[in-house]
C-alpha atoms as a PDB file:
ATOM      1  CA  MET A   1      41.381  14.878   2.561  1.00  0.00           C
ATOM      2  CA  THR A   2      43.240  13.880  -0.660  1.00  0.00           C
ATOM      3  CA  PRO A   3      41.383  13.876  -3.958  1.00  0.00           C
ATOM      4  CA  ALA A   4      41.129  10.086  -3.997  1.00  0.00           C
ATOM      5  CA  GLN A   5      39.575  10.073  -0.427  1.00  0.00           C
ATOM      6  CA  ARG A   6      37.069  12.849  -1.670  1.00  0.00           C
ATOM      7  CA  GLU A   7      36.282  10.930  -4.781  1.00  0.00           C
ATOM      8  CA  GLU A   8      35.752   7.749  -2.604  1.00  0.00           C
ATOM      9  CA  GLU A   9      33.451   9.684  -0.175  1.00  0.00           C
ATOM     10  CA  LEU A  10      31.394  11.064  -3.132  1.00  0.00           C
ATOM     11  CA  VAL A  11      31.030   7.534  -4.432  1.00  0.00           C
ATOM     12  CA  ARG A  12      29.868   6.374  -1.090  1.00  0.00           C
ATOM     13  CA  ARG A  13      27.372   9.177  -0.568  1.00  0.00           C
ATOM     14  CA  GLU A  14      26.105   8.521  -4.083  1.00  0.00           C
ATOM     15  CA  THR A  15      25.659   4.692  -3.227  1.00  0.00           C
ATOM     16  CA  ASN A  16      23.719   5.639  -0.110  1.00  0.00           C
ATOM     17  CA  ALA A  17      21.424   7.998  -1.841  1.00  0.00           C
ATOM     18  CA  ALA A  18      20.571   5.485  -4.412  1.00  0.00           C
ATOM     19  CA  ILE A  19      19.918   2.789  -1.745  1.00  0.00           C
ATOM     20  CA  LEU A  20      17.544   5.351   0.118  1.00  0.00           C
ATOM     21  CA  ALA A  21      15.792   6.158  -3.242  1.00  0.00           C
ATOM     22  CA  ALA A  22      15.280   2.428  -3.699  1.00  0.00           C
ATOM     23  CA  LYS A  23      13.967   1.904  -0.274  1.00  0.00           C
ATOM     24  CA  LEU A  24      11.539   5.042  -0.764  1.00  0.00           C
ATOM     25  CA  GLU A  25      10.207   3.411  -3.975  1.00  0.00           C
ATOM     26  CA  LYS A  26       9.826   0.113  -2.341  1.00  0.00           C
ATOM     27  CA  ASP A  27       7.841   1.712   0.455  1.00  0.00           C
ATOM     28  CA  ARG A  28       5.623   3.630  -1.994  1.00  0.00           C
ATOM     29  CA  LEU A  29       4.757   0.220  -3.744  1.00  0.00           C
ATOM     30  CA  ALA A  30       3.857  -1.367  -0.451  1.00  0.00           C
ATOM     31  CA  LEU A  31       1.530   1.438   0.474  1.00  0.00           C
ATOM     32  CA  GLU A  32      -0.107   1.305  -2.904  1.00  0.00           C
ATOM     33  CA  ALA A  33      -0.497  -2.555  -2.555  1.00  0.00           C
ATOM     34  CA  GLU A  34      -1.932  -1.980   0.986  1.00  0.00           C
ATOM     35  CA  ILE A  35      -4.463   0.661  -0.169  1.00  0.00           C
ATOM     36  CA  ALA A  36      -5.621  -1.564  -3.020  1.00  0.00           C
ATOM     37  CA  ALA A  37      -6.325  -4.577  -0.758  1.00  0.00           C
ATOM     38  CA  SER A  38      -8.234  -2.382   1.528  1.00  0.00           C
ATOM     39  CA  ALA A  39     -10.280  -1.103  -1.221  1.00  0.00           C
ATOM     40  CA  ALA A  40     -10.906  -4.661  -2.337  1.00  0.00           C
ATOM     41  CA  ALA A  41     -11.934  -5.695   1.068  1.00  0.00           C
ATOM     42  CA  ASN A  42     -14.297  -2.888   1.362  1.00  0.00           C
ATOM     43  CA  ARG A  43     -15.915  -3.676  -1.982  1.00  0.00           C
ATOM     44  CA  ALA A  44     -16.201  -7.494  -1.040  1.00  0.00           C
ATOM     45  CA  ALA A  45     -17.860  -6.404   2.377  1.00  0.00           C
ATOM     46  CA  ALA A  46     -20.270  -4.158   0.444  1.00  0.00           C
ATOM     47  CA  ALA A  47     -21.181  -7.099  -1.853  1.00  0.00           C
ATOM     48  CA  ILE A  48     -21.757  -9.432   1.010  1.00  0.00           C
ATOM     49  CA  SER A  49     -23.956  -6.799   2.799  1.00  0.00           C
ATOM     50  CA  ARG A  50     -25.932  -6.471  -0.392  1.00  0.00           C
ATOM     51  CA  ALA A  51     -26.498 -10.342  -0.845  1.00  0.00           C
ATOM     52  CA  LEU A  52     -27.532 -10.692   2.731  1.00  0.00           C
ATOM     53  CA  GLN A  53     -29.976  -7.906   2.560  1.00  0.00           C
ATOM     54  CA  SER A  54     -31.251  -9.272  -0.875  1.00  0.00           C
ATOM     55  CA  ASP A  55     -31.533 -12.897   0.565  1.00  0.00           C
ATOM     56  CA  ALA A  56     -33.254 -11.631   3.638  1.00  0.00           C
ATOM     57  CA  ARG A  57     -35.894  -9.518   1.642  1.00  0.00           C
ATOM     58  CA  LEU A  58     -36.588 -12.609  -0.558  1.00  0.00           C
ATOM     59  CA  LYS A  59     -37.145 -15.101   2.512  1.00  0.00           C
ATOM     60  CA  LEU A  60     -39.234 -12.369   4.138  1.00  0.00           C
ATOM     61  CA  LYS A  61     -41.483 -12.077   1.035  1.00  0.00           C
ATOM     62  CA  ALA A  62     -41.622 -15.846   0.694  1.00  0.00           C
ATOM     63  CA  LEU A  63     -42.825 -16.220   4.417  1.00  0.00           C
ATOM     64  CA  GLU A  64     -45.277 -13.281   3.849  1.00  0.00           C
ATOM     65  CA  VAL A  65     -46.679 -15.305   0.878  1.00  0.00           C
ATOM     66  CA  GLU A  66     -47.069 -18.417   2.849  1.00  0.00           C
ATOM     67  CA  VAL A  67     -48.697 -16.746   5.733  1.00  0.00           C
ATOM     68  CA  ALA A  68     -50.992 -15.136   3.342  1.00  0.00           C
ATOM     69  CA  MET A  69     -51.849 -18.488   1.859  1.00  0.00           C
ATOM     70  CA  TRP A  70     -52.418 -20.205   5.097  1.00  0.00           C
ATOM     71  CA  GLU A  71     -54.557 -17.162   6.331  1.00  0.00           C
ATOM     72  CA  ALA A  72     -56.610 -17.351   3.194  1.00  0.00           C
ATOM     73  CA  LYS A  73     -57.076 -21.295   3.865  1.00  0.00           C
ATOM     74  CA  LEU A  74     -58.071 -20.476   7.292  1.00  0.00           C
ATOM     75  CA  GLY A  75     -60.535 -17.838   6.144  1.00  0.00           C
ATOM     76  CA  ARG A  76     -62.061 -20.583   3.809  1.00  0.00           C
ATOM     77  CA  VAL A  77     -62.354 -23.133   6.562  1.00  0.00           C
ATOM     78  CA  LYS A  78     -64.054 -20.673   8.772  1.00  0.00           C
ATOM     79  CA  ALA A  79     -66.405 -19.640   5.932  1.00  0.00           C
ATOM     80  CA  ASP A  80     -67.272 -23.446   5.459  1.00  0.00           C
ATOM     81  CA  ALA A  81     -67.939 -23.946   9.076  1.00  0.00           C
ATOM     82  CA  GLU A  82     -70.244 -20.859   8.989  1.00  0.00           C
ATOM     83  CA  LYS A  83     -72.115 -22.483   6.180  1.00  0.00           C
ATOM     84  CA  ALA A  84     -72.313 -25.883   7.563  1.00  0.00           C
ATOM     85  CA  PRO A  85     -75.895 -26.690   8.868  1.00  0.00           C
ATOM     86  CA  THR A  86     -76.388 -26.758  12.871  1.00  0.00           C
ATOM     87  CA  LEU A  87     -76.885 -30.245  13.914  1.00  0.00           C
ATOM     88  CA  LEU A  88     -79.903 -30.847  16.540  1.00  0.00           C
ATOM     89  CA  PRO A  89     -78.824 -32.433  19.873  1.00  0.00           C
ATOM     90  CA  ALA A  90     -79.413 -36.117  20.175  1.00  0.00           C
ATOM     91  CA  PRO A  91     -81.675 -37.575  22.964  1.00  0.00           C
ATOM     92  CA  ALA A  92     -80.531 -37.187  26.462  1.00  0.00           C
ATOM     93  CA  VAL A  93     -79.836 -40.920  26.743  1.00  0.00           C
ATOM     94  CA  ALA A  94     -77.413 -40.862  23.799  1.00  0.00           C
ATOM     95  CA  PRO A  95     -73.885 -39.266  24.091  1.00  0.00           C
ATOM     96  CA  ILE A  96     -73.294 -36.088  21.879  1.00  0.00           C
ATOM     97  CA  VAL A  97     -71.042 -37.046  19.054  1.00  0.00           C
ATOM     98  CA  PRO A  98     -69.793 -34.207  16.885  1.00  0.00           C
ATOM     99  CA  ALA A  99     -70.429 -34.475  13.167  1.00  0.00           C
ATOM    100  CA  ARG A 100     -67.787 -35.319  10.756  1.00  0.00           C
ATOM    101  CA  ALA A 101     -67.558 -31.999   9.202  1.00  0.00           C
ATOM    102  CA  GLU A 102     -67.268 -30.254  12.617  1.00  0.00           C
ATOM    103  CA  GLN A 103     -64.274 -32.862  13.681  1.00  0.00           C
ATOM    104  CA  GLU A 104     -62.609 -31.934  10.311  1.00  0.00           C
ATOM    105  CA  ILE A 105     -63.001 -28.227  11.119  1.00  0.00           C
ATOM    106  CA  VAL A 106     -61.489 -28.836  14.520  1.00  0.00           C
ATOM    107  CA  GLU A 107     -58.633 -31.161  12.947  1.00  0.00           C
ATOM    108  CA  GLU A 108     -58.067 -28.392  10.271  1.00  0.00           C
ATOM    109  CA  LYS A 109     -57.894 -25.574  12.830  1.00  0.00           C
ATOM    110  CA  LYS A 110     -55.476 -27.680  14.917  1.00  0.00           C
ATOM    111  CA  LEU A 111     -53.316 -28.177  11.910  1.00  0.00           C
ATOM    112  CA  LEU A 112     -53.737 -24.433  10.979  1.00  0.00           C
ATOM    113  CA  ALA A 113     -52.777 -23.324  14.549  1.00  0.00           C
ATOM    114  CA  ALA A 114     -49.533 -25.764  14.654  1.00  0.00           C
ATOM    115  CA  GLU A 115     -48.581 -24.446  11.210  1.00  0.00           C
ATOM    116  CA  ARG A 116     -49.165 -20.820  12.341  1.00  0.00           C
ATOM    117  CA  ALA A 117     -46.985 -21.481  15.401  1.00  0.00           C
ATOM    118  CA  ARG A 118     -44.340 -23.062  13.154  1.00  0.00           C
ATOM    119  CA  LEU A 119     -44.437 -20.061  10.803  1.00  0.00           C
ATOM    120  CA  ASP A 120     -44.139 -17.755  13.833  1.00  0.00           C
ATOM    121  CA  GLU A 121     -41.209 -19.690  15.117  1.00  0.00           C
ATOM    122  CA  GLU A 122     -39.656 -19.590  11.518  1.00  0.00           C
ATOM    123  CA  ARG A 123     -40.372 -15.837  11.411  1.00  0.00           C
ATOM    124  CA  ALA A 124     -38.678 -15.225  14.818  1.00  0.00           C
ATOM    125  CA  ALA A 125     -35.727 -17.367  13.889  1.00  0.00           C
ATOM    126  CA  PHE A 126     -35.409 -15.488  10.617  1.00  0.00           C
ATOM    127  CA  ASP A 127     -35.826 -12.155  12.563  1.00  0.00           C
ATOM    128  CA  THR A 128     -33.087 -13.355  14.947  1.00  0.00           C
ATOM    129  CA  GLU A 129     -30.928 -14.295  11.741  1.00  0.00           C
ATOM    130  CA  VAL A 130     -31.584 -10.917  10.205  1.00  0.00           C
ATOM    131  CA  ALA A 131     -30.703  -9.118  13.488  1.00  0.00           C
ATOM    132  CA  ASP A 132     -27.464 -11.221  13.676  1.00  0.00           C
ATOM    133  CA  ALA A 133     -26.584 -10.467  10.130  1.00  0.00           C
ATOM    134  CA  ARG A 134     -27.282  -6.835  10.484  1.00  0.00           C
ATOM    135  CA  ALA A 135     -25.159  -6.758  13.905  1.00  0.00           C
ATOM    136  CA  ARG A 136     -22.376  -8.581  11.917  1.00  0.00           C
ATOM    137  CA  LEU A 137     -22.507  -6.045   9.187  1.00  0.00           C
ATOM    138  CA  LYS A 138     -22.461  -3.281  11.479  1.00  0.00           C
ATOM    139  CA  THR A 139     -19.435  -4.674  13.357  1.00  0.00           C
ATOM    140  CA  GLU A 140     -17.835  -5.504   9.882  1.00  0.00           C
ATOM    141  CA  ALA A 141     -18.487  -1.893   8.981  1.00  0.00           C
ATOM    142  CA  GLN A 142     -17.075  -0.394  12.156  1.00  0.00           C
ATOM    143  CA  THR A 143     -14.140  -2.524  11.599  1.00  0.00           C
ATOM    144  CA  LEU A 144     -13.642  -1.357   8.273  1.00  0.00           C
ATOM    145  CA  ALA A 145     -13.976   2.327   9.320  1.00  0.00           C
ATOM    146  CA  GLU A 146     -11.363   1.586  11.903  1.00  0.00           C
ATOM    147  CA  MET A 147      -9.201   0.106   9.291  1.00  0.00           C
ATOM    148  CA  ARG A 148      -9.797   2.886   7.125  1.00  0.00           C
ATOM    149  CA  THR A 149      -8.804   5.203   9.862  1.00  0.00           C
ATOM    150  CA  LYS A 150      -5.649   3.300  10.707  1.00  0.00           C
ATOM    151  CA  LEU A 151      -4.717   3.205   6.988  1.00  0.00           C
ATOM    152  CA  ALA A 152      -5.135   6.918   6.687  1.00  0.00           C
ATOM    153  CA  SER A 153      -2.966   7.403   9.712  1.00  0.00           C
ATOM    154  CA  ILE A 154      -0.338   5.137   8.363  1.00  0.00           C
ATOM    155  CA  ARG A 155      -0.511   6.612   5.062  1.00  0.00           C
ATOM    156  CA  ALA A 156      -0.093  10.069   6.503  1.00  0.00           C
ATOM    157  CA  ASP A 157       2.948   8.815   8.544  1.00  0.00           C
ATOM    158  CA  ILE A 158       4.481   7.227   5.463  1.00  0.00           C
ATOM    159  CA  GLU A 159       3.833  10.191   3.283  1.00  0.00           C
ATOM    160  CA  ALA A 160       5.447  12.562   5.878  1.00  0.00           C
ATOM    161  CA  SER A 161       8.321  10.104   6.146  1.00  0.00           C
ATOM    162  CA  VAL A 162       8.583   9.934   2.544  1.00  0.00           C
ATOM    163  CA  LYS A 163       8.589  13.650   2.174  1.00  0.00           C
ATOM    164  CA  GLN A 164      11.171  14.004   5.024  1.00  0.00           C
ATOM    165  CA  ARG A 165      13.330  11.334   3.397  1.00  0.00           C
ATOM    166  CA  GLU A 166      13.014  13.215  -0.070  1.00  0.00           C
ATOM    167  CA  ALA A 167      14.098  16.357   1.713  1.00  0.00           C
ATOM    168  CA  GLU A 168      17.119  14.471   3.010  1.00  0.00           C
ATOM    169  CA  VAL A 169      17.946  13.032  -0.440  1.00  0.00           C
ATOM    170  CA  LYS A 170      17.598  16.447  -2.104  1.00  0.00           C
ATOM    171  CA  LYS A 171      19.939  17.944   0.618  1.00  0.00           C
ATOM    172  CA  ARG A 172      22.370  15.150   0.315  1.00  0.00           C
ATOM    173  CA  GLU A 173      22.287  15.301  -3.561  1.00  0.00           C
ATOM    174  CA  ALA A 174      22.832  19.059  -3.144  1.00  0.00           C
ATOM    175  CA  GLN A 175      25.836  18.285  -0.715  1.00  0.00           C
ATOM    176  CA  LEU A 176      27.010  15.617  -3.340  1.00  0.00           C
ATOM    177  CA  ASP A 177      26.692  18.227  -6.142  1.00  0.00           C
ATOM    178  CA  ALA A 178      28.677  20.711  -4.103  1.00  0.00           C
ATOM    179  CA  ASP A 179      31.354  18.077  -3.161  1.00  0.00           C
ATOM    180  CA  ARG A 180      31.460  17.302  -6.702  1.00  0.00           C
ATOM    181  CA  ASP A 181      31.995  20.815  -8.084  1.00  0.00           C
ATOM    182  CA  ARG A 182      34.622  21.353  -5.288  1.00  0.00           C
ATOM    183  CA  LEU A 183      36.356  18.181  -6.239  1.00  0.00           C
ATOM    184  CA  GLN A 184      36.160  19.286 -10.083  1.00  0.00           C
ATOM    185  CA  LEU A 185      37.649  22.806  -9.018  1.00  0.00           C
ATOM    186  CA  ALA A 186      40.253  21.016  -7.135  1.00  0.00           C
ATOM    187  CA  ALA A 187      41.046  18.556  -9.967  1.00  0.00           C
ATOM    188  CA  ASP A 188      41.032  21.743 -12.257  1.00  0.00           C
ATOM    189  CA  ALA A 189      43.448  23.503  -9.890  1.00  0.00           C
ATOM    190  CA  LEU A 190      45.807  20.548  -9.832  1.00  0.00           C
ATOM    191  CA  MET A 191      45.866  20.026 -13.594  1.00  0.00           C
ATOM    192  CA  ARG A 192      46.816  23.867 -13.957  1.00  0.00           C
ATOM    193  CA  SER A 193      49.353  23.259 -11.357  1.00  0.00           C
ATOM    194  CA  GLU A 194      50.729  20.093 -13.069  1.00  0.00           C
ATOM    195  CA  SER A 195      50.618  22.052 -16.176  1.00  0.00           C
ATOM    196  CA  GLN A 196      52.520  25.050 -14.686  1.00  0.00           C
ATOM    197  CA  HIS A 197      55.073  22.416 -13.220  1.00  0.00           C
ATOM    198  CA  THR A 198      55.590  20.872 -16.689  1.00  0.00           C
ATOM    199  CA  GLU A 199      56.257  24.411 -18.281  1.00  0.00           C
ATOM    200  CA  GLU A 200      58.603  25.291 -15.411  1.00  0.00           C
ATOM    201  CA  ARG A 201      60.402  21.965 -15.846  1.00  0.00           C
ATOM    202  CA  ALA A 202      60.880  22.406 -19.455  1.00  0.00           C
ATOM    203  CA  ARG A 203      62.039  26.088 -19.009  1.00  0.00           C
ATOM    204  CA  PHE A 204      64.454  24.735 -16.327  1.00  0.00           C
ATOM    205  CA  GLU A 205      65.612  21.828 -18.589  1.00  0.00           C
ATOM    206  CA  SER A 206      66.085  24.420 -21.362  1.00  0.00           C
ATOM    207  CA  GLN A 207      68.219  26.831 -19.117  1.00  0.00           C
ATOM    208  CA  ILE A 208      70.284  23.801 -18.063  1.00  0.00           C
ATOM    209  CA  ASN A 209      70.949  22.720 -21.469  1.00  0.00           C
ATOM    210  CA  ALA A 210      72.035  26.224 -22.357  1.00  0.00           C
ATOM    211  CA  LEU A 211      74.238  26.366 -19.203  1.00  0.00           C
ATOM    212  CA  ALA A 212      75.808  22.944 -20.291  1.00  0.00           C
ATOM    213  CA  ASP A 213      76.446  24.512 -23.744  1.00  0.00           C
ATOM    214  CA  LYS A 214      77.994  27.505 -22.089  1.00  0.00           C
ATOM    215  CA  GLU A 215      80.057  25.277 -20.090  1.00  0.00           C
ATOM    216  CA  VAL A 216      81.225  23.330 -22.953  1.00  0.00           C
ATOM    217  CA  GLU A 217      82.141  26.442 -24.816  1.00  0.00           C
ATOM    218  CA  PHE A 218      83.897  27.780 -21.918  1.00  0.00           C
ATOM    219  CA  GLN A 219      86.073  24.642 -21.478  1.00  0.00           C
ATOM    220  CA  GLU A 220      86.851  24.796 -25.167  1.00  0.00           C
ATOM    221  CA  ARG A 221      87.998  28.456 -24.842  1.00  0.00           C
ATOM    222  CA  ASN A 222      89.927  27.451 -21.750  1.00  0.00           C
ATOM    223  CA  ARG A 223      91.679  24.765 -23.648  1.00  0.00           C
ATOM    224  CA  GLN A 224      92.524  26.961 -26.501  1.00  0.00           C
ATOM    225  CA  LEU A 225      93.896  29.652 -23.930  1.00  0.00           C
ATOM    226  CA  GLN A 226      95.935  27.118 -22.268  1.00  0.00           C
ATOM    227  CA  GLU A 227      97.385  25.957 -25.793  1.00  0.00           C
ATOM    228  CA  ARG A 228      98.167  29.609 -26.435  1.00  0.00           C
ATOM    229  CA  LEU A 229      99.943  30.176 -23.017  1.00  0.00           C
ATOM    230  CA  ARG A 230     102.001  27.025 -23.483  1.00  0.00           C
ATOM    231  CA  THR A 231     102.985  28.304 -27.080  1.00  0.00           C
ATOM    232  CA  VAL A 232     104.028  31.638 -25.786  1.00  0.00           C
ATOM    233  CA  GLU A 233     106.003  29.949 -23.010  1.00  0.00           C
ATOM    234  CA  LYS A 234     108.068  27.983 -25.589  1.00  0.00           C
ATOM    235  CA  GLY A 235     108.495  30.757 -28.057  1.00  0.00           C
END
């Protein structure tokens, strides 16, 4: 692999590591948002439960007060009936007609009985409503518990995945650092080799220049020698 290819591979790995780190950060933020939403849902459910319980207690107290009022009124009516004088029966030939007070007492008793029946129906409906609300709250609490369990499992899985990815990222970073160091060593060796080649080239060029000077000197001496030979031959 050439240095350029190694550098390109190093850049690619660094890019992948950055993308993986960004994805890990995104997963962490999503997990925190999901946990915050779950906590808000739990608080809302608790507030609804408290409101329903408070409303149920208020309605129950109001019904108890109303029942006590009607029972007190019924007691007063019974006391008035007991205090009323006993009427003598009329002659046998005349029909027995109840006194006005007794008719009112009977009517009042009927009204009280009807009102008590209505109160009993309302109390039964209220008890049914309270039971339904409690069942609903129990179901919601169970659902929230299941959601908490699922969230805990999801959180554990995400944390394990994050730890595994972090380990992979650290491993890749270590490998990238090793590759970077290896590339740096190779680049340093290449620079030293280039420096040595430059020095050798300069030395070779100096030797070539010296050889060229010697060749020129040799040619000059050869020329002088040829001239001397021609002079000797002429003489």
